[in-house]
């Protein structure tokens, strides 16, 4: 997956939204735990 590739490259991952049952969800509590990634560089 893209997240696995980013992890392997040492990159941060920020998931903004995802499709849940045909609707856009911006609430990470509704997502699979493995996709609840909101990592930001320390400069932010």
PDB file of N, CA and C in Angstrom:
ATOM      1  N   UNK A   1       0.838  -1.193   0.000  1.00  0.00           N
ATOM      2  CA  UNK A   1       0.000   0.000   0.000  1.00  0.00           C
ATOM      3  C   UNK A   1       0.882   1.255   0.000  1.00  0.00           C
ATOM      4  N   UNK A   2       0.282   2.360  -0.287  1.00  0.00           N
ATOM      5  CA  UNK A   2       1.011   3.625  -0.291  1.00  0.00           C
ATOM      6  C   UNK A   2       1.563   3.937   1.101  1.00  0.00           C
ATOM      7  N   UNK A   3       0.800   3.628   2.129  1.00  0.00           N
ATOM      8  CA  UNK A   3       1.261   3.875   3.497  1.00  0.00           C
ATOM      9  C   UNK A   3       2.463   2.996   3.824  1.00  0.00           C
ATOM     10  N   UNK A   4       2.423   1.734   3.418  1.00  0.00           N
ATOM     11  CA  UNK A   4       3.569   0.838   3.642  1.00  0.00           C
ATOM     12  C   UNK A   4       4.815   1.357   2.932  1.00  0.00           C
ATOM     13  N   UNK A   5       4.646   1.857   1.719  1.00  0.00           N
ATOM     14  CA  UNK A   5       5.777   2.396   0.964  1.00  0.00           C
ATOM     15  C   UNK A   5       6.342   3.640   1.644  1.00  0.00           C
ATOM     16  N   UNK A   6       5.463   4.510   2.148  1.00  0.00           N
ATOM     17  CA  UNK A   6       5.920   5.711   2.845  1.00  0.00           C
ATOM     18  C   UNK A   6       6.678   5.329   4.117  1.00  0.00           C
ATOM     19  N   UNK A   7       6.157   4.361   4.863  1.00  0.00           N
ATOM     20  CA  UNK A   7       6.840   3.892   6.074  1.00  0.00           C
ATOM     21  C   UNK A   7       8.230   3.357   5.741  1.00  0.00           C
ATOM     22  N   UNK A   8       8.317   2.550   4.696  1.00  0.00           N
ATOM     23  CA  UNK A   8       9.602   1.964   4.297  1.00  0.00           C
ATOM     24  C   UNK A   8      10.611   3.034   3.899  1.00  0.00           C
ATOM     25  N   UNK A   9      10.114   4.149   3.349  1.00  0.00           N
ATOM     26  CA  UNK A   9      10.989   5.240   2.923  1.00  0.00           C
ATOM     27  C   UNK A   9      11.247   6.246   4.046  1.00  0.00           C
ATOM     28  N   UNK A  10      10.622   6.032   5.218  1.00  0.00           N
ATOM     29  CA  UNK A  10      10.820   6.942   6.341  1.00  0.00           C
ATOM     30  C   UNK A  10      10.060   8.246   6.205  1.00  0.00           C
ATOM     31  N   UNK A  11       8.975   8.234   5.444  1.00  0.00           N
ATOM     32  CA  UNK A  11       8.185   9.443   5.220  1.00  0.00           C
ATOM     33  C   UNK A  11       6.991   9.508   6.165  1.00  0.00           C
ATOM     34  N   UNK A  12       6.536  10.725   6.452  1.00  0.00           N
ATOM     35  CA  UNK A  12       5.341  10.921   7.257  1.00  0.00           C
ATOM     36  C   UNK A  12       4.105  10.731   6.384  1.00  0.00           C
ATOM     37  N   UNK A  13       2.992  10.343   7.021  1.00  0.00           N
ATOM     38  CA  UNK A  13       1.743  10.099   6.298  1.00  0.00           C
ATOM     39  C   UNK A  13       0.632  10.899   6.962  1.00  0.00           C
ATOM     40  N   UNK A  14      -0.158  11.603   6.150  1.00  0.00           N
ATOM     41  CA  UNK A  14      -1.325  12.329   6.644  1.00  0.00           C
ATOM     42  C   UNK A  14      -2.515  11.918   5.788  1.00  0.00           C
ATOM     43  N   UNK A  15      -3.470  11.203   6.388  1.00  0.00           N
ATOM     44  CA  UNK A  15      -4.681  10.793   5.678  1.00  0.00           C
ATOM     45  C   UNK A  15      -5.762  11.811   6.014  1.00  0.00           C
ATOM     46  N   UNK A  16      -6.224  12.535   5.012  1.00  0.00           N
ATOM     47  CA  UNK A  16      -7.208  13.597   5.207  1.00  0.00           C
ATOM     48  C   UNK A  16      -8.628  13.056   5.257  1.00  0.00           C
ATOM     49  N   UNK A  17      -8.951  12.154   4.343  1.00  0.00           N
ATOM     50  CA  UNK A  17     -10.305  11.623   4.261  1.00  0.00           C
ATOM     51  C   UNK A  17     -10.270  10.294   3.530  1.00  0.00           C
ATOM     52  N   UNK A  18     -11.364   9.541   3.642  1.00  0.00           N
ATOM     53  CA  UNK A  18     -11.457   8.290   2.897  1.00  0.00           C
ATOM     54  C   UNK A  18     -12.910   7.926   2.665  1.00  0.00           C
ATOM     55  N   UNK A  19     -13.120   7.059   1.709  1.00  0.00           N
ATOM     56  CA  UNK A  19     -14.452   6.599   1.347  1.00  0.00           C
ATOM     57  C   UNK A  19     -14.866   5.475   2.295  1.00  0.00           C
ATOM     58  N   UNK A  20     -15.993   5.671   2.963  1.00  0.00           N
ATOM     59  CA  UNK A  20     -16.562   4.642   3.833  1.00  0.00           C
ATOM     60  C   UNK A  20     -17.987   4.390   3.359  1.00  0.00           C
ATOM     61  N   UNK A  21     -18.232   3.215   2.841  1.00  0.00           N
ATOM     62  CA  UNK A  21     -19.565   2.838   2.353  1.00  0.00           C
ATOM     63  C   UNK A  21     -20.131   3.837   1.354  1.00  0.00           C
ATOM     64  N   UNK A  22     -19.308   4.297   0.429  1.00  0.00           N
ATOM     65  CA  UNK A  22     -19.763   5.196  -0.623  1.00  0.00           C
ATOM     66  C   UNK A  22     -19.873   6.656  -0.233  1.00  0.00           C
ATOM     67  N   UNK A  23     -19.467   7.010   0.982  1.00  0.00           N
ATOM     68  CA  UNK A  23     -19.509   8.407   1.429  1.00  0.00           C
ATOM     69  C   UNK A  23     -18.135   8.821   1.928  1.00  0.00           C
ATOM     70  N   UNK A  24     -17.820  10.092   1.724  1.00  0.00           N
ATOM     71  CA  UNK A  24     -16.533  10.617   2.188  1.00  0.00           C
ATOM     72  C   UNK A  24     -16.595  10.817   3.698  1.00  0.00           C
ATOM     73  N   UNK A  25     -15.624  10.257   4.392  1.00  0.00           N
ATOM     74  CA  UNK A  25     -15.516  10.427   5.835  1.00  0.00           C
ATOM     75  C   UNK A  25     -14.253  11.215   6.143  1.00  0.00           C
ATOM     76  N   UNK A  26     -14.407  12.258   6.939  1.00  0.00           N
ATOM     77  CA  UNK A  26     -13.262  13.034   7.413  1.00  0.00           C
ATOM     78  C   UNK A  26     -12.991  12.756   8.895  1.00  0.00           C
ATOM     79  N   UNK A  27     -13.724  11.806   9.455  1.00  0.00           N
ATOM     80  CA  UNK A  27     -13.618  11.461  10.869  1.00  0.00           C
ATOM     81  C   UNK A  27     -12.763  10.199  11.031  1.00  0.00           C
ATOM     82  N   UNK A  28     -11.536  10.338  11.516  1.00  0.00           N
ATOM     83  CA  UNK A  28     -10.659   9.171  11.652  1.00  0.00           C
ATOM     84  C   UNK A  28     -11.239   8.064  12.534  1.00  0.00           C
ATOM     85  N   UNK A  29     -12.139   8.382  13.442  1.00  0.00           N
ATOM     86  CA  UNK A  29     -12.734   7.353  14.299  1.00  0.00           C
ATOM     87  C   UNK A  29     -13.536   6.342  13.480  1.00  0.00           C
ATOM     88  N   UNK A  30     -13.961   6.720  12.285  1.00  0.00           N
ATOM     89  CA  UNK A  30     -14.737   5.833  11.412  1.00  0.00           C
ATOM     90  C   UNK A  30     -13.849   4.965  10.520  1.00  0.00           C
ATOM     91  N   UNK A  31     -12.555   5.231  10.489  1.00  0.00           N
ATOM     92  CA  UNK A  31     -11.633   4.540   9.584  1.00  0.00           C
ATOM     93  C   UNK A  31     -11.028   3.323  10.259  1.00  0.00           C
ATOM     94  N   UNK A  32     -10.499   2.386   9.455  1.00  0.00           N
ATOM     95  CA  UNK A  32      -9.726   1.292  10.049  1.00  0.00           C
ATOM     96  C   UNK A  32      -8.531   1.873  10.820  1.00  0.00           C
ATOM     97  N   UNK A  33      -8.214   1.275  11.938  1.00  0.00           N
ATOM     98  CA  UNK A  33      -7.151   1.809  12.806  1.00  0.00           C
ATOM     99  C   UNK A  33      -5.826   1.989  12.069  1.00  0.00           C
ATOM    100  N   UNK A  34      -5.522   1.094  11.155  1.00  0.00           N
ATOM    101  CA  UNK A  34      -4.242   1.178  10.435  1.00  0.00           C
ATOM    102  C   UNK A  34      -4.152   2.400   9.527  1.00  0.00           C
ATOM    103  N   UNK A  35      -5.282   3.037   9.228  1.00  0.00           N
ATOM    104  CA  UNK A  35      -5.288   4.204   8.341  1.00  0.00           C
ATOM    105  C   UNK A  35      -5.454   5.524   9.088  1.00  0.00           C
ATOM    106  N   UNK A  36      -5.507   5.478  10.395  1.00  0.00           N
ATOM    107  CA  UNK A  36      -5.664   6.707  11.191  1.00  0.00           C
ATOM    108  C   UNK A  36      -4.307   7.364  11.378  1.00  0.00           C
ATOM    109  N   UNK A  37      -3.817   7.959  10.317  1.00  0.00           N
ATOM    110  CA  UNK A  37      -2.478   8.555  10.318  1.00  0.00           C
ATOM    111  C   UNK A  37      -2.596  10.047  10.054  1.00  0.00           C
ATOM    112  N   UNK A  38      -2.143  10.853  10.982  1.00  0.00           N
ATOM    113  CA  UNK A  38      -2.151  12.305  10.834  1.00  0.00           C
ATOM    114  C   UNK A  38      -0.802  12.840  11.289  1.00  0.00           C
ATOM    115  N   UNK A  39       0.237  12.422  10.605  1.00  0.00           N
ATOM    116  CA  UNK A  39       1.597  12.799  10.986  1.00  0.00           C
ATOM    117  C   UNK A  39       1.997  14.081  10.261  1.00  0.00           C
ATOM    118  N   UNK A  40       2.544  15.012  11.020  1.00  0.00           N
ATOM    119  CA  UNK A  40       2.967  16.297  10.465  1.00  0.00           C
ATOM    120  C   UNK A  40       4.443  16.518  10.785  1.00  0.00           C
ATOM    121  N   UNK A  41       5.163  17.215   9.897  1.00  0.00           N
ATOM    122  CA  UNK A  41       6.546  17.579  10.212  1.00  0.00           C
ATOM    123  C   UNK A  41       6.585  18.457  11.465  1.00  0.00           C
ATOM    124  N   UNK A  42       7.671  18.412  12.200  1.00  0.00           N
ATOM    125  CA  UNK A  42       7.782  19.176  13.446  1.00  0.00           C
ATOM    126  C   UNK A  42       7.711  20.683  13.238  1.00  0.00           C
ATOM    127  N   UNK A  43       7.946  21.165  12.019  1.00  0.00           N
ATOM    128  CA  UNK A  43       7.917  22.611  11.781  1.00  0.00           C
ATOM    129  C   UNK A  43       6.497  23.167  11.784  1.00  0.00           C
ATOM    130  N   UNK A  44       5.473  22.312  11.753  1.00  0.00           N
ATOM    131  CA  UNK A  44       4.083  22.791  11.769  1.00  0.00           C
ATOM    132  C   UNK A  44       3.577  22.811  13.157  1.00  0.00           C
TER     133      UNK A  44
END
